[in-house]
């Protein structure tokens, strides 16, 4: 037994335990409806899951590019990969809007 337990400490402990027991009993009356709502929601979701069509398995296209062979250098240069056509980022060609971006000096004719 704890040697520091006093009568007041025992009374406080007993009151805390009784308060927790009352709160546990009152919870069902106040919030018991939530459990019923979740049960109904779960049942509806199970019915929807049973009615949904099965997923069709489809073949995924794998990446067939290869980084091999590495260049024969001591540092295995980083930029060598962008020189290969299949690894270029500009798949649609260069950026089409290459016109100068400065505004005209003279106002447009009217």
PDB file of N, CA and C in Angstrom:
ATOM      1  N   UNK A   1       0.840  -1.179   0.000  1.00  0.00           N
ATOM      2  CA  UNK A   1       0.000   0.000   0.000  1.00  0.00           C
ATOM      3  C   UNK A   1       0.881   1.238   0.000  1.00  0.00           C
ATOM      4  N   UNK A   2       0.407   2.287  -0.649  1.00  0.00           N
ATOM      5  CA  UNK A   2       1.171   3.521  -0.756  1.00  0.00           C
ATOM      6  C   UNK A   2       1.232   4.193   0.614  1.00  0.00           C
ATOM      7  N   UNK A   3       2.426   4.527   1.051  1.00  0.00           N
ATOM      8  CA  UNK A   3       2.579   5.096   2.391  1.00  0.00           C
ATOM      9  C   UNK A   3       2.127   6.555   2.450  1.00  0.00           C
ATOM     10  N   UNK A   4       1.994   7.238   1.311  1.00  0.00           N
ATOM     11  CA  UNK A   4       1.582   8.633   1.302  1.00  0.00           C
ATOM     12  C   UNK A   4       0.075   8.798   1.146  1.00  0.00           C
ATOM     13  N   UNK A   5      -0.685   7.715   1.169  1.00  0.00           N
ATOM     14  CA  UNK A   5      -2.132   7.783   0.985  1.00  0.00           C
ATOM     15  C   UNK A   5      -2.767   8.341   2.248  1.00  0.00           C
ATOM     16  N   UNK A   6      -3.538   9.409   2.073  1.00  0.00           N
ATOM     17  CA  UNK A   6      -4.219  10.018   3.214  1.00  0.00           C
ATOM     18  C   UNK A   6      -5.712   9.801   3.077  1.00  0.00           C
ATOM     19  N   UNK A   7      -6.437  10.155   4.099  1.00  0.00           N
ATOM     20  CA  UNK A   7      -7.888  10.022   4.068  1.00  0.00           C
ATOM     21  C   UNK A   7      -8.481  10.955   3.014  1.00  0.00           C
ATOM     22  N   UNK A   8      -7.951  12.167   2.942  1.00  0.00           N
ATOM     23  CA  UNK A   8      -8.446  13.113   1.931  1.00  0.00           C
ATOM     24  C   UNK A   8      -8.128  12.607   0.523  1.00  0.00           C
ATOM     25  N   UNK A   9      -6.925  12.038   0.335  1.00  0.00           N
ATOM     26  CA  UNK A   9      -6.562  11.486  -0.969  1.00  0.00           C
ATOM     27  C   UNK A   9      -7.455  10.328  -1.352  1.00  0.00           C
ATOM     28  N   UNK A  10      -7.783   9.491  -0.374  1.00  0.00           N
ATOM     29  CA  UNK A  10      -8.672   8.367  -0.642  1.00  0.00           C
ATOM     30  C   UNK A  10     -10.066   8.864  -1.016  1.00  0.00           C
ATOM     31  N   UNK A  11     -10.538   9.896  -0.340  1.00  0.00           N
ATOM     32  CA  UNK A  11     -11.849  10.463  -0.641  1.00  0.00           C
ATOM     33  C   UNK A  11     -11.865  11.061  -2.047  1.00  0.00           C
ATOM     34  N   UNK A  12     -10.807  11.779  -2.395  1.00  0.00           N
ATOM     35  CA  UNK A  12     -10.722  12.366  -3.737  1.00  0.00           C
ATOM     36  C   UNK A  12     -10.688  11.284  -4.812  1.00  0.00           C
ATOM     37  N   UNK A  13      -9.929  10.218  -4.562  1.00  0.00           N
ATOM     38  CA  UNK A  13      -9.841   9.119  -5.520  1.00  0.00           C
ATOM     39  C   UNK A  13     -11.192   8.456  -5.718  1.00  0.00           C
ATOM     40  N   UNK A  14     -11.891   8.216  -4.591  1.00  0.00           N
ATOM     41  CA  UNK A  14     -13.202   7.572  -4.656  1.00  0.00           C
ATOM     42  C   UNK A  14     -14.190   8.464  -5.414  1.00  0.00           C
ATOM     43  N   UNK A  15     -14.154   9.782  -5.179  1.00  0.00           N
ATOM     44  CA  UNK A  15     -15.054  10.714  -5.858  1.00  0.00           C
ATOM     45  C   UNK A  15     -14.761  10.738  -7.359  1.00  0.00           C
ATOM     46  N   UNK A  16     -13.472  10.695  -7.739  1.00  0.00           N
ATOM     47  CA  UNK A  16     -13.117  10.695  -9.160  1.00  0.00           C
ATOM     48  C   UNK A  16     -13.621   9.425  -9.840  1.00  0.00           C
ATOM     49  N   UNK A  17     -13.481   8.280  -9.179  1.00  0.00           N
ATOM     50  CA  UNK A  17     -13.945   7.012  -9.754  1.00  0.00           C
ATOM     51  C   UNK A  17     -15.463   7.001  -9.910  1.00  0.00           C
ATOM     52  N   UNK A  18     -16.170   7.527  -8.905  1.00  0.00           N
ATOM     53  CA  UNK A  18     -17.634   7.581  -8.988  1.00  0.00           C
ATOM     54  C   UNK A  18     -18.085   8.542 -10.085  1.00  0.00           C
ATOM     55  N   UNK A  19     -17.363   9.650 -10.243  1.00  0.00           N
ATOM     56  CA  UNK A  19     -17.696  10.606 -11.302  1.00  0.00           C
ATOM     57  C   UNK A  19     -17.510   9.976 -12.679  1.00  0.00           C
ATOM     58  N   UNK A  20     -16.437   9.216 -12.867  1.00  0.00           N
ATOM     59  CA  UNK A  20     -16.219   8.529 -14.142  1.00  0.00           C
ATOM     60  C   UNK A  20     -17.313   7.504 -14.400  1.00  0.00           C
ATOM     61  N   UNK A  21     -17.738   6.789 -13.353  1.00  0.00           N
ATOM     62  CA  UNK A  21     -18.796   5.784 -13.527  1.00  0.00           C
ATOM     63  C   UNK A  21     -20.109   6.459 -13.908  1.00  0.00           C
ATOM     64  N   UNK A  22     -20.438   7.602 -13.280  1.00  0.00           N
ATOM     65  CA  UNK A  22     -21.660   8.326 -13.639  1.00  0.00           C
ATOM     66  C   UNK A  22     -21.586   8.832 -15.077  1.00  0.00           C
ATOM     67  N   UNK A  23     -20.432   9.345 -15.467  1.00  0.00           N
ATOM     68  CA  UNK A  23     -20.277   9.839 -16.834  1.00  0.00           C
ATOM     69  C   UNK A  23     -20.425   8.706 -17.846  1.00  0.00           C
ATOM     70  N   UNK A  24     -19.880   7.528 -17.520  1.00  0.00           N
ATOM     71  CA  UNK A  24     -20.003   6.371 -18.413  1.00  0.00           C
ATOM     72  C   UNK A  24     -21.459   5.966 -18.573  1.00  0.00           C
ATOM     73  N   UNK A  25     -22.219   5.983 -17.467  1.00  0.00           N
ATOM     74  CA  UNK A  25     -23.628   5.598 -17.531  1.00  0.00           C
ATOM     75  C   UNK A  25     -24.456   6.656 -18.255  1.00  0.00           C
ATOM     76  N   UNK A  26     -24.116   7.940 -18.094  1.00  0.00           N
ATOM     77  CA  UNK A  26     -24.879   9.018 -18.729  1.00  0.00           C
ATOM     78  C   UNK A  26     -24.577   9.113 -20.224  1.00  0.00           C
ATOM     79  N   UNK A  27     -23.427   8.623 -20.652  1.00  0.00           N
ATOM     80  CA  UNK A  27     -23.038   8.734 -22.058  1.00  0.00           C
ATOM     81  C   UNK A  27     -24.038   8.024 -22.958  1.00  0.00           C
ATOM     82  N   UNK A  28     -24.468   6.853 -22.543  1.00  0.00           N
ATOM     83  CA  UNK A  28     -25.390   6.075 -23.373  1.00  0.00           C
ATOM     84  C   UNK A  28     -26.688   6.829 -23.574  1.00  0.00           C
ATOM     85  N   UNK A  29     -27.173   7.517 -22.541  1.00  0.00           N
ATOM     86  CA  UNK A  29     -28.406   8.274 -22.677  1.00  0.00           C
ATOM     87  C   UNK A  29     -28.243   9.503 -23.556  1.00  0.00           C
ATOM     88  N   UNK A  30     -27.098  10.148 -23.470  1.00  0.00           N
ATOM     89  CA  UNK A  30     -26.876  11.366 -24.246  1.00  0.00           C
ATOM     90  C   UNK A  30     -26.438  11.088 -25.681  1.00  0.00           C
ATOM     91  N   UNK A  31     -25.519  10.167 -25.835  1.00  0.00           N
ATOM     92  CA  UNK A  31     -24.881   9.981 -27.141  1.00  0.00           C
ATOM     93  C   UNK A  31     -25.060   8.588 -27.729  1.00  0.00           C
ATOM     94  N   UNK A  32     -25.942   7.794 -27.177  1.00  0.00           N
ATOM     95  CA  UNK A  32     -26.158   6.445 -27.692  1.00  0.00           C
ATOM     96  C   UNK A  32     -26.693   6.432 -29.116  1.00  0.00           C
ATOM     97  N   UNK A  33     -27.377   7.506 -29.485  1.00  0.00           N
ATOM     98  CA  UNK A  33     -27.933   7.597 -30.838  1.00  0.00           C
ATOM     99  C   UNK A  33     -26.835   7.599 -31.894  1.00  0.00           C
ATOM    100  N   UNK A  34     -25.639   8.048 -31.541  1.00  0.00           N
ATOM    101  CA  UNK A  34     -24.540   8.074 -32.513  1.00  0.00           C
ATOM    102  C   UNK A  34     -24.180   6.648 -32.941  1.00  0.00           C
ATOM    103  N   UNK A  35     -24.176   5.733 -31.977  1.00  0.00           N
ATOM    104  CA  UNK A  35     -23.864   4.344 -32.316  1.00  0.00           C
ATOM    105  C   UNK A  35     -24.896   3.772 -33.280  1.00  0.00           C
ATOM    106  N   UNK A  36     -26.165   4.109 -33.059  1.00  0.00           N
ATOM    107  CA  UNK A  36     -27.220   3.620 -33.966  1.00  0.00           C
ATOM    108  C   UNK A  36     -27.061   4.237 -35.355  1.00  0.00           C
ATOM    109  N   UNK A  37     -26.734   5.537 -35.419  1.00  0.00           N
ATOM    110  CA  UNK A  37     -26.531   6.194 -36.712  1.00  0.00           C
ATOM    111  C   UNK A  37     -25.368   5.554 -37.470  1.00  0.00           C
ATOM    112  N   UNK A  38     -24.279   5.272 -36.763  1.00  0.00           N
ATOM    113  CA  UNK A  38     -23.142   4.613 -37.414  1.00  0.00           C
ATOM    114  C   UNK A  38     -23.491   3.214 -37.895  1.00  0.00           C
ATOM    115  N   UNK A  39     -24.312   2.504 -37.146  1.00  0.00           N
ATOM    116  CA  UNK A  39     -24.728   1.167 -37.585  1.00  0.00           C
ATOM    117  C   UNK A  39     -25.559   1.255 -38.866  1.00  0.00           C
ATOM    118  N   UNK A  40     -26.464   2.245 -38.925  1.00  0.00           N
ATOM    119  CA  UNK A  40     -27.286   2.426 -40.126  1.00  0.00           C
ATOM    120  C   UNK A  40     -26.408   2.826 -41.311  1.00  0.00           C
ATOM    121  N   UNK A  41     -25.481   3.756 -41.074  1.00  0.00           N
ATOM    122  CA  UNK A  41     -24.580   4.196 -42.134  1.00  0.00           C
ATOM    123  C   UNK A  41     -23.731   3.038 -42.642  1.00  0.00           C
ATOM    124  N   UNK A  42     -23.231   2.227 -41.725  1.00  0.00           N
ATOM    125  CA  UNK A  42     -22.418   1.078 -42.121  1.00  0.00           C
ATOM    126  C   UNK A  42     -23.243   0.088 -42.953  1.00  0.00           C
ATOM    127  N   UNK A  43     -24.481  -0.117 -42.579  1.00  0.00           N
ATOM    128  CA  UNK A  43     -25.343  -1.031 -43.338  1.00  0.00           C
ATOM    129  C   UNK A  43     -25.579  -0.488 -44.749  1.00  0.00           C
ATOM    130  N   UNK A  44     -25.837   0.824 -44.871  1.00  0.00           N
ATOM    131  CA  UNK A  44     -26.050   1.412 -46.191  1.00  0.00           C
ATOM    132  C   UNK A  44     -24.798   1.312 -47.058  1.00  0.00           C
ATOM    133  N   UNK A  45     -23.650   1.538 -46.455  1.00  0.00           N
ATOM    134  CA  UNK A  45     -22.410   1.425 -47.216  1.00  0.00           C
ATOM    135  C   UNK A  45     -22.142  -0.005 -47.668  1.00  0.00           C
ATOM    136  N   UNK A  46     -22.458  -0.961 -46.833  1.00  0.00           N
ATOM    137  CA  UNK A  46     -22.290  -2.370 -47.222  1.00  0.00           C
ATOM    138  C   UNK A  46     -23.216  -2.724 -48.384  1.00  0.00           C
ATOM    139  N   UNK A  47     -24.436  -2.181 -48.373  1.00  0.00           N
ATOM    140  CA  UNK A  47     -25.361  -2.438 -49.482  1.00  0.00           C
ATOM    141  C   UNK A  47     -24.838  -1.812 -50.778  1.00  0.00           C
ATOM    142  N   UNK A  48     -24.316  -0.592 -50.683  1.00  0.00           N
ATOM    143  CA  UNK A  48     -23.732   0.044 -51.872  1.00  0.00           C
ATOM    144  C   UNK A  48     -22.531  -0.745 -52.387  1.00  0.00           C
ATOM    145  N   UNK A  49     -21.709  -1.227 -51.468  1.00  0.00           N
ATOM    146  CA  UNK A  49     -20.533  -1.998 -51.863  1.00  0.00           C
ATOM    147  C   UNK A  49     -20.938  -3.293 -52.556  1.00  0.00           C
ATOM    148  N   UNK A  50     -22.027  -3.897 -52.107  1.00  0.00           N
ATOM    149  CA  UNK A  50     -22.483  -5.149 -52.721  1.00  0.00           C
ATOM    150  C   UNK A  50     -23.039  -4.899 -54.124  1.00  0.00           C
ATOM    151  N   UNK A  51     -23.604  -3.695 -54.367  1.00  0.00           N
ATOM    152  CA  UNK A  51     -24.199  -3.399 -55.668  1.00  0.00           C
ATOM    153  C   UNK A  51     -23.207  -2.882 -56.693  1.00  0.00           C
ATOM    154  N   UNK A  52     -22.048  -2.426 -56.272  1.00  0.00           N
ATOM    155  CA  UNK A  52     -21.125  -1.843 -57.243  1.00  0.00           C
ATOM    156  C   UNK A  52     -20.534  -2.924 -58.138  1.00  0.00           C
ATOM    157  N   UNK A  53     -20.238  -2.555 -59.375  1.00  0.00           N
ATOM    158  CA  UNK A  53     -19.673  -3.554 -60.288  1.00  0.00           C
ATOM    159  C   UNK A  53     -18.230  -3.880 -59.905  1.00  0.00           C
ATOM    160  N   UNK A  54     -17.833  -5.059 -60.261  1.00  0.00           N
ATOM    161  CA  UNK A  54     -16.458  -5.484 -59.980  1.00  0.00           C
ATOM    162  C   UNK A  54     -15.494  -4.688 -60.847  1.00  0.00           C
ATOM    163  N   UNK A  55     -14.331  -4.458 -60.341  1.00  0.00           N
ATOM    164  CA  UNK A  55     -13.313  -3.757 -61.118  1.00  0.00           C
ATOM    165  C   UNK A  55     -12.780  -4.675 -62.201  1.00  0.00           C
ATOM    166  N   UNK A  56     -12.584  -4.102 -63.352  1.00  0.00           N
ATOM    167  CA  UNK A  56     -12.018  -4.889 -64.438  1.00  0.00           C
ATOM    168  C   UNK A  56     -10.500  -4.745 -64.389  1.00  0.00           C
ATOM    169  N   UNK A  57      -9.847  -5.855 -64.435  1.00  0.00           N
ATOM    170  CA  UNK A  57      -8.390  -5.822 -64.431  1.00  0.00           C
ATOM    171  C   UNK A  57      -7.910  -5.332 -65.789  1.00  0.00           C
ATOM    172  N   UNK A  58      -6.994  -4.395 -65.761  1.00  0.00           N
ATOM    173  CA  UNK A  58      -6.466  -3.903 -67.017  1.00  0.00           C
ATOM    174  C   UNK A  58      -4.954  -3.938 -66.960  1.00  0.00           C
ATOM    175  N   UNK A  59      -4.414  -4.035 -68.098  1.00  0.00           N
ATOM    176  CA  UNK A  59      -2.965  -4.143 -68.201  1.00  0.00           C
ATOM    177  C   UNK A  59      -2.353  -2.745 -68.121  1.00  0.00           C
ATOM    178  N   UNK A  60      -1.376  -2.590 -67.266  1.00  0.00           N
ATOM    179  CA  UNK A  60      -0.710  -1.293 -67.161  1.00  0.00           C
ATOM    180  C   UNK A  60       0.514  -1.298 -68.060  1.00  0.00           C
ATOM    181  N   UNK A  61       0.691  -0.182 -68.722  1.00  0.00           N
ATOM    182  CA  UNK A  61       1.841  -0.051 -69.612  1.00  0.00           C
ATOM    183  C   UNK A  61       3.060   0.291 -68.779  1.00  0.00           C
ATOM    184  N   UNK A  62       4.057  -0.530 -68.834  1.00  0.00           N
ATOM    185  CA  UNK A  62       5.280  -0.289 -68.082  1.00  0.00           C
ATOM    186  C   UNK A  62       6.203   0.663 -68.817  1.00  0.00           C
ATOM    187  N   UNK A  63       7.124   1.215 -68.105  1.00  0.00           N
ATOM    188  CA  UNK A  63       8.101   2.127 -68.687  1.00  0.00           C
ATOM    189  C   UNK A  63       9.209   1.282 -69.324  1.00  0.00           C
ATOM    190  N   UNK A  64       9.328   1.383 -70.627  1.00  0.00           N
ATOM    191  CA  UNK A  64      10.291   0.532 -71.332  1.00  0.00           C
ATOM    192  C   UNK A  64      11.625   1.233 -71.567  1.00  0.00           C
ATOM    193  N   UNK A  65      11.749   2.451 -71.074  1.00  0.00           N
ATOM    194  CA  UNK A  65      13.009   3.166 -71.255  1.00  0.00           C
ATOM    195  C   UNK A  65      14.082   2.557 -70.363  1.00  0.00           C
ATOM    196  N   UNK A  66      15.304   2.688 -70.774  1.00  0.00           N
ATOM    197  CA  UNK A  66      16.415   2.173 -69.982  1.00  0.00           C
ATOM    198  C   UNK A  66      17.521   3.220 -69.927  1.00  0.00           C
ATOM    199  N   UNK A  67      18.152   3.328 -68.800  1.00  0.00           N
ATOM    200  CA  UNK A  67      19.236   4.290 -68.643  1.00  0.00           C
ATOM    201  C   UNK A  67      20.591   3.657 -68.959  1.00  0.00           C
ATOM    202  N   UNK A  68      20.576   2.405 -69.276  1.00  0.00           N
ATOM    203  CA  UNK A  68      21.834   1.721 -69.571  1.00  0.00           C
ATOM    204  C   UNK A  68      22.207   1.927 -71.026  1.00  0.00           C
ATOM    205  N   UNK A  69      23.384   1.932 -71.425  1.00  0.00           N
ATOM    206  CA  UNK A  69      24.602   1.828 -70.612  1.00  0.00           C
ATOM    207  C   UNK A  69      25.001   3.203 -70.083  1.00  0.00           C
ATOM    208  N   UNK A  70      25.586   3.232 -68.896  1.00  0.00           N
ATOM    209  CA  UNK A  70      26.110   4.467 -68.334  1.00  0.00           C
ATOM    210  C   UNK A  70      27.337   4.899 -69.117  1.00  0.00           C
ATOM    211  N   UNK A  71      27.575   6.205 -69.195  1.00  0.00           N
ATOM    212  CA  UNK A  71      28.779   6.646 -69.894  1.00  0.00           C
ATOM    213  C   UNK A  71      30.019   6.220 -69.113  1.00  0.00           C
ATOM    214  N   UNK A  72      31.060   5.954 -69.816  1.00  0.00           N
ATOM    215  CA  UNK A  72      32.285   5.497 -69.180  1.00  0.00           C
ATOM    216  C   UNK A  72      33.095   6.722 -68.759  1.00  0.00           C
ATOM    217  N   UNK A  73      32.737   7.276 -67.611  1.00  0.00           N
ATOM    218  CA  UNK A  73      33.479   8.386 -67.025  1.00  0.00           C
ATOM    219  C   UNK A  73      33.622   8.105 -65.542  1.00  0.00           C
ATOM    220  N   UNK A  74      34.498   8.833 -64.893  1.00  0.00           N
ATOM    221  CA  UNK A  74      34.691   8.590 -63.465  1.00  0.00           C
ATOM    222  C   UNK A  74      33.517   9.122 -62.651  1.00  0.00           C
ATOM    223  N   UNK A  75      32.857  10.165 -63.097  1.00  0.00           N
ATOM    224  CA  UNK A  75      31.779  10.761 -62.318  1.00  0.00           C
ATOM    225  C   UNK A  75      30.399  10.303 -62.783  1.00  0.00           C
ATOM    226  N   UNK A  76      30.314   9.521 -63.827  1.00  0.00           N
ATOM    227  CA  UNK A  76      29.028   9.107 -64.408  1.00  0.00           C
ATOM    228  C   UNK A  76      28.172  10.353 -64.634  1.00  0.00           C
ATOM    229  N   UNK A  77      28.575  11.186 -65.544  1.00  0.00           N
ATOM    230  CA  UNK A  77      27.991  12.505 -65.775  1.00  0.00           C
ATOM    231  C   UNK A  77      26.473  12.486 -65.710  1.00  0.00           C
ATOM    232  N   UNK A  78      25.912  13.558 -65.152  1.00  0.00           N
ATOM    233  CA  UNK A  78      24.477  13.635 -64.918  1.00  0.00           C
ATOM    234  C   UNK A  78      23.719  14.036 -66.175  1.00  0.00           C
ATOM    235  N   UNK A  79      24.217  14.980 -66.944  1.00  0.00           N
ATOM    236  CA  UNK A  79      23.475  15.532 -68.063  1.00  0.00           C
ATOM    237  C   UNK A  79      23.401  14.645 -69.282  1.00  0.00           C
ATOM    238  N   UNK A  80      24.034  13.521 -69.282  1.00  0.00           N
ATOM    239  CA  UNK A  80      24.052  12.674 -70.469  1.00  0.00           C
ATOM    240  C   UNK A  80      22.678  12.129 -70.806  1.00  0.00           C
ATOM    241  N   UNK A  81      21.817  11.962 -69.814  1.00  0.00           N
ATOM    242  CA  UNK A  81      20.520  11.327 -70.033  1.00  0.00           C
ATOM    243  C   UNK A  81      19.576  12.229 -70.826  1.00  0.00           C
ATOM    244  N   UNK A  82      19.654  13.547 -70.623  1.00  0.00           N
ATOM    245  CA  UNK A  82      18.753  14.445 -71.340  1.00  0.00           C
ATOM    246  C   UNK A  82      19.079  14.518 -72.825  1.00  0.00           C
ATOM    247  N   UNK A  83      20.227  14.042 -73.228  1.00  0.00           N
ATOM    248  CA  UNK A  83      20.574  14.029 -74.640  1.00  0.00           C
ATOM    249  C   UNK A  83      19.887  12.914 -75.407  1.00  0.00           C
ATOM    250  N   UNK A  84      19.373  11.928 -74.696  1.00  0.00           N
ATOM    251  CA  UNK A  84      18.676  10.827 -75.359  1.00  0.00           C
ATOM    252  C   UNK A  84      17.232  11.236 -75.631  1.00  0.00           C
ATOM    253  N   UNK A  85      16.754  10.898 -76.802  1.00  0.00           N
ATOM    254  CA  UNK A  85      15.444  11.356 -77.264  1.00  0.00           C
ATOM    255  C   UNK A  85      14.304  10.911 -76.346  1.00  0.00           C
ATOM    256  N   UNK A  86      14.337   9.704 -75.827  1.00  0.00           N
ATOM    257  CA  UNK A  86      13.219   9.208 -75.027  1.00  0.00           C
ATOM    258  C   UNK A  86      13.146   9.856 -73.639  1.00  0.00           C
ATOM    259  N   UNK A  87      14.203  10.549 -73.230  1.00  0.00           N
ATOM    260  CA  UNK A  87      14.209  11.207 -71.926  1.00  0.00           C
ATOM    261  C   UNK A  87      14.078  12.718 -72.024  1.00  0.00           C
ATOM    262  N   UNK A  88      13.826  13.262 -73.193  1.00  0.00           N
ATOM    263  CA  UNK A  88      13.695  14.707 -73.326  1.00  0.00           C
ATOM    264  C   UNK A  88      12.363  15.152 -72.729  1.00  0.00           C
ATOM    265  N   UNK A  89      12.393  16.302 -72.079  1.00  0.00           N
ATOM    266  CA  UNK A  89      11.186  16.807 -71.434  1.00  0.00           C
ATOM    267  C   UNK A  89      10.241  17.477 -72.415  1.00  0.00           C
ATOM    268  N   UNK A  90      10.745  18.025 -73.489  1.00  0.00           N
ATOM    269  CA  UNK A  90       9.897  18.712 -74.456  1.00  0.00           C
ATOM    270  C   UNK A  90       9.338  17.701 -75.449  1.00  0.00           C
ATOM    271  N   UNK A  91       8.270  17.045 -75.071  1.00  0.00           N
ATOM    272  CA  UNK A  91       7.700  16.008 -75.930  1.00  0.00           C
ATOM    273  C   UNK A  91       6.880  16.610 -77.059  1.00  0.00           C
ATOM    274  N   UNK A  92       6.427  17.873 -76.914  1.00  0.00           N
ATOM    275  CA  UNK A  92       5.614  18.506 -77.945  1.00  0.00           C
ATOM    276  C   UNK A  92       6.404  19.510 -78.766  1.00  0.00           C
ATOM    277  N   UNK A  93       7.679  19.596 -78.566  1.00  0.00           N
ATOM    278  CA  UNK A  93       8.492  20.555 -79.295  1.00  0.00           C
ATOM    279  C   UNK A  93       8.837  21.750 -78.422  1.00  0.00           C
ATOM    280  N   UNK A  94       9.539  22.711 -79.002  1.00  0.00           N
ATOM    281  CA  UNK A  94       9.913  23.870 -78.200  1.00  0.00           C
ATOM    282  C   UNK A  94       8.705  24.737 -77.870  1.00  0.00           C
ATOM    283  N   UNK A  95       8.882  25.616 -76.909  1.00  0.00           N
ATOM    284  CA  UNK A  95       7.814  26.514 -76.489  1.00  0.00           C
ATOM    285  C   UNK A  95       7.404  27.393 -77.660  1.00  0.00           C
ATOM    286  N   UNK A  96       6.113  27.435 -78.035  1.00  0.00           N
ATOM    287  CA  UNK A  96       5.720  28.109 -79.278  1.00  0.00           C
ATOM    288  C   UNK A  96       5.707  29.632 -79.193  1.00  0.00           C
ATOM    289  N   UNK A  97       5.584  30.209 -78.036  1.00  0.00           N
ATOM    290  CA  UNK A  97       5.468  31.662 -77.916  1.00  0.00           C
ATOM    291  C   UNK A  97       6.845  32.273 -77.710  1.00  0.00           C
ATOM    292  N   UNK A  98       7.521  32.501 -78.801  1.00  0.00           N
ATOM    293  CA  UNK A  98       8.882  33.041 -78.725  1.00  0.00           C
ATOM    294  C   UNK A  98       8.947  34.486 -79.197  1.00  0.00           C
ATOM    295  N   UNK A  99       7.810  35.145 -79.360  1.00  0.00           N
ATOM    296  CA  UNK A  99       7.789  36.544 -79.787  1.00  0.00           C
ATOM    297  C   UNK A  99       8.355  37.418 -78.664  1.00  0.00           C
ATOM    298  N   UNK A 100       8.913  38.563 -79.007  1.00  0.00           N
ATOM    299  CA  UNK A 100       9.442  39.429 -77.964  1.00  0.00           C
ATOM    300  C   UNK A 100       8.340  39.856 -76.999  1.00  0.00           C
ATOM    301  N   UNK A 101       8.693  39.994 -75.761  1.00  0.00           N
ATOM    302  CA  UNK A 101       7.684  40.295 -74.759  1.00  0.00           C
ATOM    303  C   UNK A 101       7.640  41.774 -74.394  1.00  0.00           C
ATOM    304  N   UNK A 102       8.398  42.606 -75.073  1.00  0.00           N
ATOM    305  CA  UNK A 102       8.380  44.037 -74.789  1.00  0.00           C
ATOM    306  C   UNK A 102       7.145  44.678 -75.424  1.00  0.00           C
ATOM    307  N   UNK A 103       6.557  45.638 -74.744  1.00  0.00           N
ATOM    308  CA  UNK A 103       5.417  46.333 -75.354  1.00  0.00           C
ATOM    309  C   UNK A 103       5.902  47.242 -76.473  1.00  0.00           C
ATOM    310  N   UNK A 104       5.072  47.534 -77.465  1.00  0.00           N
ATOM    311  CA  UNK A 104       5.501  48.406 -78.556  1.00  0.00           C
ATOM    312  C   UNK A 104       5.734  49.842 -78.040  1.00  0.00           C
ATOM    313  N   UNK A 105       6.693  50.525 -78.651  1.00  0.00           N
ATOM    314  CA  UNK A 105       6.990  51.887 -78.224  1.00  0.00           C
ATOM    315  C   UNK A 105       5.888  52.835 -78.689  1.00  0.00           C
ATOM    316  N   UNK A 106       5.455  52.679 -79.918  1.00  0.00           N
ATOM    317  CA  UNK A 106       4.401  53.530 -80.448  1.00  0.00           C
ATOM    318  C   UNK A 106       3.050  52.891 -80.186  1.00  0.00           C
ATOM    319  N   UNK A 107       2.023  53.676 -79.917  1.00  0.00           N
ATOM    320  CA  UNK A 107       0.695  53.099 -79.748  1.00  0.00           C
ATOM    321  C   UNK A 107       0.189  52.515 -81.066  1.00  0.00           C
ATOM    322  N   UNK A 108      -0.690  51.550 -81.003  1.00  0.00           N
ATOM    323  CA  UNK A 108      -1.200  50.940 -82.230  1.00  0.00           C
ATOM    324  C   UNK A 108      -2.011  51.953 -83.038  1.00  0.00           C
ATOM    325  N   UNK A 109      -1.980  51.836 -84.356  1.00  0.00           N
ATOM    326  CA  UNK A 109      -2.742  52.768 -85.187  1.00  0.00           C
ATOM    327  C   UNK A 109      -4.239  52.549 -85.025  1.00  0.00           C
ATOM    328  N   UNK A 110      -4.963  53.652 -85.163  1.00  0.00           N
ATOM    329  CA  UNK A 110      -6.413  53.553 -85.006  1.00  0.00           C
ATOM    330  C   UNK A 110      -7.168  53.729 -86.281  1.00  0.00           C
TER     331      UNK A 110
END
